[in-house]
Amino acid sequence: MVRAAAEAERLAQACAERMWADDHASQVLGMKLDAVAPGTARVSMTVCREMVNGHGTCHGGFISTLADSAFAFACNSHGTVTVASGFDITFLEPAELGDVLVAEAREVALRGRSGIYDVTVRCGDTRIAEFRGRSRSLGRPILEEAR
């Protein structure tokens, strides 16, 4: 059991490293992949001037993108190329310039090729948004993908 858990951790880390190397969208937005494990991931991002809308708060699209990135790392942690089939997000509080946002994703259900993941975006103790993502596995191993 311990060996299987360690193997699953190594697989999640290797998949995250492979994905992060080509994830220019997350990188250009200043995101950091803080943690990944089987079915979970934590990604952070600081709200910069280019992310602030006309109301002086972080544009919801950037908050959604942060949550989607955490979702992507969580649902690809099992070693199979997996994509979003859809998501919903609820904004609870505004984020502002300079805020450090942290998105924590966790697997809720995984059945066959379909999964459901919840992502909470926080700034400190303040819950900024709740995201629910639906995933679909494409059935190809991540670590064997041509680069």
N, C-alpha and C. Protein backbone atom coordinates (compact mmCIF):
# COMPACT_ATOMS: atom_id res chain seq x y z
N MET A 1 0.82 -1.20 0.00
CA MET A 1 0.00 0.00 0.00
C MET A 1 0.87 1.27 0.00
N VAL A 2 1.90 1.26 0.84
CA VAL A 2 2.81 2.41 0.91
C VAL A 2 3.55 2.58 -0.42
N ARG A 3 3.95 1.46 -1.00
CA ARG A 3 4.65 1.51 -2.28
C ARG A 3 3.76 2.08 -3.38
N ALA A 4 2.48 1.66 -3.39
CA ALA A 4 1.54 2.17 -4.40
C ALA A 4 1.33 3.67 -4.22
N ALA A 5 1.23 4.13 -2.98
CA ALA A 5 1.06 5.56 -2.72
C ALA A 5 2.28 6.35 -3.18
N ALA A 6 3.45 5.82 -2.92
CA ALA A 6 4.69 6.49 -3.34
C ALA A 6 4.79 6.54 -4.86
N GLU A 7 4.39 5.45 -5.52
CA GLU A 7 4.38 5.43 -7.00
C GLU A 7 3.40 6.46 -7.55
N ALA A 8 2.23 6.56 -6.95
CA ALA A 8 1.23 7.53 -7.39
C ALA A 8 1.74 8.96 -7.20
N GLU A 9 2.44 9.22 -6.11
CA GLU A 9 3.04 10.55 -5.87
C GLU A 9 4.08 10.86 -6.93
N ARG A 10 4.95 9.91 -7.23
CA ARG A 10 5.99 10.11 -8.25
C ARG A 10 5.36 10.37 -9.62
N LEU A 11 4.32 9.63 -9.95
CA LEU A 11 3.64 9.82 -11.23
C LEU A 11 3.03 11.22 -11.30
N ALA A 12 2.36 11.64 -10.24
CA ALA A 12 1.74 12.98 -10.22
C ALA A 12 2.81 14.06 -10.41
N GLN A 13 3.95 13.92 -9.74
CA GLN A 13 5.03 14.90 -9.87
C GLN A 13 5.61 14.92 -11.29
N ALA A 14 5.83 13.75 -11.85
CA ALA A 14 6.40 13.66 -13.21
C ALA A 14 5.44 14.26 -14.24
N CYS A 15 4.15 13.99 -14.09
CA CYS A 15 3.16 14.56 -15.02
C CYS A 15 3.12 16.07 -14.89
N ALA A 16 3.16 16.58 -13.67
CA ALA A 16 3.14 18.03 -13.45
C ALA A 16 4.37 18.69 -14.06
N GLU A 17 5.53 18.08 -13.88
CA GLU A 17 6.75 18.64 -14.46
C GLU A 17 6.66 18.69 -15.98
N ARG A 18 6.15 17.63 -16.58
CA ARG A 18 6.01 17.57 -18.05
C ARG A 18 5.05 18.66 -18.52
N MET A 19 3.91 18.78 -17.86
CA MET A 19 2.92 19.79 -18.26
C MET A 19 3.44 21.21 -18.03
N TRP A 20 4.07 21.45 -16.88
CA TRP A 20 4.53 22.80 -16.54
C TRP A 20 5.55 23.30 -17.55
N ALA A 21 6.39 22.41 -18.05
CA ALA A 21 7.42 22.81 -19.01
C ALA A 21 6.84 23.50 -20.24
N ASP A 22 5.63 23.13 -20.65
CA ASP A 22 5.01 23.71 -21.83
C ASP A 22 3.79 24.58 -21.51
N ASP A 23 3.55 24.86 -20.25
CA ASP A 23 2.37 25.64 -19.85
C ASP A 23 2.72 27.13 -19.85
N HIS A 24 2.86 27.67 -21.04
CA HIS A 24 3.25 29.08 -21.19
C HIS A 24 2.16 30.02 -20.70
N ALA A 25 0.91 29.63 -20.80
CA ALA A 25 -0.19 30.49 -20.33
C ALA A 25 -0.06 30.74 -18.84
N SER A 26 0.09 29.69 -18.05
CA SER A 26 0.22 29.85 -16.60
C SER A 26 1.50 30.60 -16.25
N GLN A 27 2.57 30.28 -16.93
CA GLN A 27 3.85 30.91 -16.63
C GLN A 27 3.84 32.40 -16.93
N VAL A 28 3.28 32.81 -18.06
CA VAL A 28 3.29 34.23 -18.43
C VAL A 28 2.42 35.05 -17.48
N LEU A 29 1.43 34.42 -16.84
CA LEU A 29 0.59 35.11 -15.87
C LEU A 29 1.22 35.12 -14.47
N GLY A 30 2.42 34.56 -14.36
CA GLY A 30 3.14 34.58 -13.08
C GLY A 30 2.68 33.53 -12.10
N MET A 31 1.98 32.52 -12.57
CA MET A 31 1.52 31.46 -11.68
C MET A 31 2.70 30.60 -11.23
N LYS A 32 2.52 30.01 -10.05
CA LYS A 32 3.50 29.08 -9.50
C LYS A 32 2.78 27.80 -9.14
N LEU A 33 3.36 26.69 -9.55
CA LEU A 33 2.82 25.38 -9.18
C LEU A 33 3.42 25.04 -7.82
N ASP A 34 2.63 25.18 -6.78
CA ASP A 34 3.11 25.02 -5.41
C ASP A 34 3.13 23.58 -4.94
N ALA A 35 2.16 22.79 -5.37
CA ALA A 35 2.08 21.40 -4.91
C ALA A 35 1.20 20.61 -5.86
N VAL A 36 1.54 19.32 -5.97
CA VAL A 36 0.69 18.40 -6.73
C VAL A 36 0.82 17.02 -6.10
N ALA A 37 -0.28 16.31 -6.06
CA ALA A 37 -0.35 14.93 -5.57
C ALA A 37 -1.50 14.28 -6.33
N PRO A 38 -1.65 12.98 -6.20
CA PRO A 38 -2.74 12.33 -6.93
C PRO A 38 -4.10 12.97 -6.62
N GLY A 39 -4.72 13.54 -7.65
CA GLY A 39 -6.05 14.14 -7.52
C GLY A 39 -6.09 15.52 -6.90
N THR A 40 -4.93 16.11 -6.60
CA THR A 40 -4.91 17.44 -5.99
C THR A 40 -3.80 18.30 -6.60
N ALA A 41 -3.98 19.61 -6.48
CA ALA A 41 -2.93 20.55 -6.91
C ALA A 41 -3.18 21.89 -6.24
N ARG A 42 -2.09 22.64 -6.04
CA ARG A 42 -2.18 24.01 -5.52
C ARG A 42 -1.34 24.91 -6.41
N VAL A 43 -1.98 25.97 -6.94
CA VAL A 43 -1.33 26.93 -7.83
C VAL A 43 -1.59 28.32 -7.27
N SER A 44 -0.58 29.19 -7.30
CA SER A 44 -0.75 30.55 -6.78
C SER A 44 -0.39 31.58 -7.84
N MET A 45 -0.87 32.81 -7.62
CA MET A 45 -0.65 33.90 -8.57
C MET A 45 -0.85 35.23 -7.84
N THR A 46 0.00 36.20 -8.12
CA THR A 46 -0.17 37.54 -7.57
C THR A 46 -0.91 38.40 -8.59
N VAL A 47 -1.95 39.11 -8.14
CA VAL A 47 -2.72 39.99 -9.03
C VAL A 47 -1.85 41.19 -9.39
N CYS A 48 -1.55 41.34 -10.68
CA CYS A 48 -0.73 42.45 -11.16
C CYS A 48 -1.62 43.49 -11.87
N ARG A 49 -1.04 44.61 -12.19
CA ARG A 49 -1.77 45.73 -12.79
C ARG A 49 -2.55 45.33 -14.03
N GLU A 50 -1.98 44.47 -14.85
CA GLU A 50 -2.62 44.06 -16.10
C GLU A 50 -3.85 43.18 -15.88
N MET A 51 -4.06 42.73 -14.65
CA MET A 51 -5.20 41.86 -14.33
C MET A 51 -6.37 42.63 -13.72
N VAL A 52 -6.18 43.93 -13.47
CA VAL A 52 -7.20 44.72 -12.79
C VAL A 52 -8.15 45.33 -13.82
N ASN A 53 -9.46 45.23 -13.54
CA ASN A 53 -10.47 45.74 -14.46
C ASN A 53 -10.84 47.20 -14.14
N GLY A 54 -11.84 47.71 -14.82
CA GLY A 54 -12.28 49.09 -14.65
C GLY A 54 -12.90 49.40 -13.30
N HIS A 55 -13.17 48.39 -12.50
CA HIS A 55 -13.72 48.58 -11.15
C HIS A 55 -12.62 48.54 -10.10
N GLY A 56 -11.37 48.35 -10.55
CA GLY A 56 -10.25 48.31 -9.62
C GLY A 56 -10.07 46.97 -8.93
N THR A 57 -10.72 45.93 -9.46
CA THR A 57 -10.58 44.59 -8.90
C THR A 57 -10.05 43.64 -9.97
N CYS A 58 -9.61 42.47 -9.53
CA CYS A 58 -9.09 41.48 -10.48
C CYS A 58 -10.22 41.01 -11.39
N HIS A 59 -9.96 41.02 -12.68
CA HIS A 59 -10.92 40.55 -13.68
C HIS A 59 -11.21 39.08 -13.41
N GLY A 60 -12.49 38.71 -13.46
CA GLY A 60 -12.89 37.34 -13.19
C GLY A 60 -12.26 36.31 -14.09
N GLY A 61 -11.91 36.71 -15.31
CA GLY A 61 -11.27 35.77 -16.23
C GLY A 61 -9.93 35.29 -15.73
N PHE A 62 -9.19 36.15 -15.02
CA PHE A 62 -7.90 35.74 -14.47
C PHE A 62 -8.08 34.81 -13.28
N ILE A 63 -9.10 35.06 -12.47
CA ILE A 63 -9.39 34.16 -11.35
C ILE A 63 -9.81 32.80 -11.89
N SER A 64 -10.63 32.79 -12.94
CA SER A 64 -11.04 31.54 -13.58
C SER A 64 -9.84 30.80 -14.15
N THR A 65 -8.92 31.53 -14.75
CA THR A 65 -7.74 30.91 -15.35
C THR A 65 -6.87 30.26 -14.28
N LEU A 66 -6.71 30.94 -13.15
CA LEU A 66 -5.94 30.36 -12.04
C LEU A 66 -6.59 29.07 -11.57
N ALA A 67 -7.90 29.09 -11.35
CA ALA A 67 -8.61 27.89 -10.91
C ALA A 67 -8.51 26.78 -11.95
N ASP A 68 -8.61 27.14 -13.22
CA ASP A 68 -8.53 26.15 -14.30
C ASP A 68 -7.15 25.51 -14.35
N SER A 69 -6.12 26.28 -14.08
CA SER A 69 -4.76 25.71 -14.07
C SER A 69 -4.60 24.69 -12.94
N ALA A 70 -5.10 25.02 -11.74
CA ALA A 70 -5.03 24.06 -10.63
C ALA A 70 -5.83 22.80 -10.98
N PHE A 71 -7.00 23.00 -11.55
CA PHE A 71 -7.85 21.89 -12.01
C PHE A 71 -7.08 21.00 -12.99
N ALA A 72 -6.40 21.62 -13.95
CA ALA A 72 -5.66 20.85 -14.97
C ALA A 72 -4.59 19.98 -14.34
N PHE A 73 -3.83 20.53 -13.40
CA PHE A 73 -2.77 19.73 -12.77
C PHE A 73 -3.36 18.61 -11.92
N ALA A 74 -4.47 18.87 -11.25
CA ALA A 74 -5.09 17.82 -10.43
C ALA A 74 -5.63 16.69 -11.30
N CYS A 75 -6.33 17.03 -12.37
CA CYS A 75 -6.97 15.96 -13.16
C CYS A 75 -6.00 15.24 -14.08
N ASN A 76 -4.81 15.79 -14.28
CA ASN A 76 -3.79 15.09 -15.07
C ASN A 76 -2.79 14.36 -14.19
N SER A 77 -3.00 14.35 -12.89
CA SER A 77 -2.05 13.77 -11.95
C SER A 77 -2.02 12.24 -11.96
N HIS A 78 -2.97 11.62 -12.64
CA HIS A 78 -3.02 10.16 -12.67
C HIS A 78 -2.30 9.57 -13.88
N GLY A 79 -1.72 10.45 -14.72
CA GLY A 79 -0.89 9.97 -15.80
C GLY A 79 -1.52 9.89 -17.17
N THR A 80 -2.79 10.26 -17.27
CA THR A 80 -3.50 10.19 -18.55
C THR A 80 -3.85 11.60 -19.01
N VAL A 81 -3.64 11.88 -20.29
CA VAL A 81 -4.00 13.20 -20.83
C VAL A 81 -5.48 13.42 -20.59
N THR A 82 -5.79 14.49 -19.86
CA THR A 82 -7.16 14.79 -19.47
C THR A 82 -7.44 16.26 -19.72
N VAL A 83 -8.59 16.55 -20.27
CA VAL A 83 -8.96 17.93 -20.62
C VAL A 83 -10.27 18.30 -19.92
N ALA A 84 -10.55 19.59 -19.90
CA ALA A 84 -11.80 20.07 -19.32
C ALA A 84 -12.94 19.82 -20.30
N SER A 85 -14.06 19.36 -19.77
CA SER A 85 -15.26 19.28 -20.59
C SER A 85 -16.20 20.42 -20.23
N GLY A 86 -15.86 21.13 -19.17
CA GLY A 86 -16.63 22.31 -18.77
C GLY A 86 -16.33 22.68 -17.33
N PHE A 87 -16.74 23.89 -16.96
CA PHE A 87 -16.61 24.29 -15.56
C PHE A 87 -17.59 25.41 -15.25
N ASP A 88 -17.85 25.57 -13.97
CA ASP A 88 -18.67 26.66 -13.45
C ASP A 88 -17.85 27.34 -12.36
N ILE A 89 -18.02 28.64 -12.22
CA ILE A 89 -17.32 29.35 -11.16
C ILE A 89 -18.28 30.35 -10.53
N THR A 90 -18.16 30.47 -9.22
CA THR A 90 -18.93 31.44 -8.46
C THR A 90 -17.93 32.37 -7.76
N PHE A 91 -18.08 33.66 -8.00
CA PHE A 91 -17.22 34.66 -7.37
C PHE A 91 -17.87 35.09 -6.07
N LEU A 92 -17.11 35.05 -4.99
CA LEU A 92 -17.64 35.34 -3.67
C LEU A 92 -17.17 36.68 -3.11
N GLU A 93 -15.92 37.02 -3.38
CA GLU A 93 -15.32 38.27 -2.91
C GLU A 93 -14.38 38.79 -4.00
N PRO A 94 -14.18 40.09 -4.06
CA PRO A 94 -13.24 40.62 -5.05
C PRO A 94 -11.79 40.41 -4.62
N ALA A 95 -10.92 40.31 -5.59
CA ALA A 95 -9.48 40.31 -5.35
C ALA A 95 -8.93 41.62 -5.90
N GLU A 96 -7.86 42.11 -5.30
CA GLU A 96 -7.34 43.42 -5.66
C GLU A 96 -5.88 43.35 -6.04
N LEU A 97 -5.40 44.42 -6.61
CA LEU A 97 -4.00 44.54 -7.02
C LEU A 97 -3.09 44.16 -5.86
N GLY A 98 -2.14 43.29 -6.13
CA GLY A 98 -1.17 42.85 -5.14
C GLY A 98 -1.59 41.65 -4.32
N ASP A 99 -2.87 41.25 -4.39
CA ASP A 99 -3.32 40.07 -3.66
C ASP A 99 -2.64 38.82 -4.20
N VAL A 100 -2.27 37.94 -3.30
CA VAL A 100 -1.74 36.63 -3.69
C VAL A 100 -2.90 35.65 -3.61
N LEU A 101 -3.29 35.14 -4.75
CA LEU A 101 -4.40 34.18 -4.83
C LEU A 101 -3.85 32.76 -4.86
N VAL A 102 -4.49 31.88 -4.13
CA VAL A 102 -4.08 30.47 -4.09
C VAL A 102 -5.29 29.63 -4.46
N ALA A 103 -5.11 28.79 -5.48
CA ALA A 103 -6.17 27.88 -5.94
C ALA A 103 -5.80 26.46 -5.52
N GLU A 104 -6.69 25.85 -4.75
CA GLU A 104 -6.47 24.47 -4.31
C GLU A 104 -7.53 23.59 -4.93
N ALA A 105 -7.08 22.62 -5.72
CA ALA A 105 -7.98 21.70 -6.44
C ALA A 105 -7.97 20.34 -5.77
N ARG A 106 -9.16 19.72 -5.76
CA ARG A 106 -9.25 18.36 -5.22
C ARG A 106 -10.25 17.56 -6.05
N GLU A 107 -9.93 16.32 -6.22
CA GLU A 107 -10.79 15.40 -6.95
C GLU A 107 -12.00 15.03 -6.09
N VAL A 108 -13.17 15.15 -6.67
CA VAL A 108 -14.41 14.80 -5.98
C VAL A 108 -14.88 13.42 -6.44
N ALA A 109 -14.79 13.17 -7.75
CA ALA A 109 -15.22 11.89 -8.30
C ALA A 109 -14.43 11.59 -9.56
N LEU A 110 -14.11 10.33 -9.75
CA LEU A 110 -13.44 9.88 -10.97
C LEU A 110 -14.06 8.54 -11.34
N ARG A 111 -14.79 8.52 -12.46
CA ARG A 111 -15.48 7.32 -12.92
C ARG A 111 -15.16 7.13 -14.39
N GLY A 112 -14.48 6.05 -14.70
CA GLY A 112 -14.11 5.81 -16.09
C GLY A 112 -13.27 6.96 -16.63
N ARG A 113 -13.73 7.56 -17.71
CA ARG A 113 -12.98 8.66 -18.33
C ARG A 113 -13.43 10.04 -17.85
N SER A 114 -14.40 10.11 -16.94
CA SER A 114 -14.95 11.38 -16.49
C SER A 114 -14.62 11.66 -15.03
N GLY A 115 -14.37 12.95 -14.73
CA GLY A 115 -14.08 13.33 -13.36
C GLY A 115 -14.73 14.65 -13.00
N ILE A 116 -14.84 14.87 -11.70
CA ILE A 116 -15.34 16.13 -11.16
C ILE A 116 -14.32 16.62 -10.14
N TYR A 117 -13.98 17.90 -10.23
CA TYR A 117 -12.97 18.50 -9.36
C TYR A 117 -13.50 19.82 -8.82
N ASP A 118 -13.26 20.07 -7.54
CA ASP A 118 -13.59 21.35 -6.92
C ASP A 118 -12.31 22.12 -6.67
N VAL A 119 -12.36 23.41 -6.93
CA VAL A 119 -11.22 24.29 -6.71
C VAL A 119 -11.70 25.48 -5.89
N THR A 120 -11.01 25.74 -4.79
CA THR A 120 -11.28 26.93 -3.98
C THR A 120 -10.14 27.91 -4.21
N VAL A 121 -10.50 29.16 -4.53
CA VAL A 121 -9.51 30.23 -4.69
C VAL A 121 -9.61 31.11 -3.47
N ARG A 122 -8.47 31.30 -2.81
CA ARG A 122 -8.42 32.12 -1.60
C ARG A 122 -7.37 33.20 -1.70
N CYS A 123 -7.56 34.22 -0.90
CA CYS A 123 -6.54 35.23 -0.62
C CYS A 123 -6.42 35.25 0.89
N GLY A 124 -5.38 34.64 1.43
CA GLY A 124 -5.29 34.46 2.88
C GLY A 124 -6.45 33.60 3.35
N ASP A 125 -7.20 34.09 4.32
CA ASP A 125 -8.35 33.34 4.83
C ASP A 125 -9.65 33.65 4.09
N THR A 126 -9.58 34.58 3.14
CA THR A 126 -10.79 35.00 2.42
C THR A 126 -11.02 34.11 1.21
N ARG A 127 -12.20 33.53 1.13
CA ARG A 127 -12.57 32.70 -0.02
C ARG A 127 -13.01 33.64 -1.14
N ILE A 128 -12.29 33.63 -2.25
CA ILE A 128 -12.54 34.52 -3.39
C ILE A 128 -13.53 33.89 -4.38
N ALA A 129 -13.36 32.60 -4.65
CA ALA A 129 -14.21 31.93 -5.65
C ALA A 129 -14.25 30.43 -5.40
N GLU A 130 -15.33 29.82 -5.89
CA GLU A 130 -15.48 28.36 -5.91
C GLU A 130 -15.70 27.94 -7.36
N PHE A 131 -14.96 26.95 -7.79
CA PHE A 131 -14.93 26.47 -9.17
C PHE A 131 -15.23 24.98 -9.14
N ARG A 132 -16.07 24.51 -10.04
CA ARG A 132 -16.28 23.08 -10.22
C ARG A 132 -15.98 22.74 -11.67
N GLY A 133 -14.99 21.86 -11.86
CA GLY A 133 -14.59 21.45 -13.20
C GLY A 133 -14.98 20.03 -13.51
N ARG A 134 -15.32 19.81 -14.75
CA ARG A 134 -15.64 18.47 -15.25
C ARG A 134 -14.56 18.08 -16.24
N SER A 135 -14.00 16.90 -16.07
CA SER A 135 -12.89 16.47 -16.91
C SER A 135 -13.25 15.26 -17.76
N ARG A 136 -12.47 15.10 -18.82
CA ARG A 136 -12.63 13.94 -19.71
C ARG A 136 -11.25 13.46 -20.11
N SER A 137 -10.96 12.21 -19.82
CA SER A 137 -9.68 11.61 -20.18
C SER A 137 -9.66 11.28 -21.67
N LEU A 138 -8.53 11.53 -22.30
CA LEU A 138 -8.38 11.19 -23.72
C LEU A 138 -7.75 9.82 -23.91
N GLY A 139 -7.36 9.18 -22.79
CA GLY A 139 -6.86 7.81 -22.86
C GLY A 139 -5.42 7.65 -23.29
N ARG A 140 -4.68 8.75 -23.38
CA ARG A 140 -3.26 8.67 -23.77
C ARG A 140 -2.38 9.00 -22.57
N PRO A 141 -1.26 8.29 -22.42
CA PRO A 141 -0.38 8.58 -21.28
C PRO A 141 0.36 9.92 -21.48
N ILE A 142 0.40 10.72 -20.44
CA ILE A 142 1.07 12.02 -20.50
C ILE A 142 2.56 11.87 -20.76
N LEU A 143 3.19 10.95 -20.08
CA LEU A 143 4.64 10.84 -20.15
C LEU A 143 5.14 10.26 -21.46
N GLU A 144 4.24 9.79 -22.32
CA GLU A 144 4.63 9.27 -23.63
C GLU A 144 4.23 10.22 -24.76
N GLU A 145 3.66 11.39 -24.41
CA GLU A 145 3.26 12.38 -25.42
C GLU A 145 4.49 12.92 -26.14
N ALA A 146 4.38 13.07 -27.46
CA ALA A 146 5.47 13.69 -28.23
C ALA A 146 5.52 15.16 -27.86
N ARG A 147 6.70 15.69 -27.72
CA ARG A 147 6.88 17.08 -27.31
C ARG A 147 7.13 17.95 -28.50
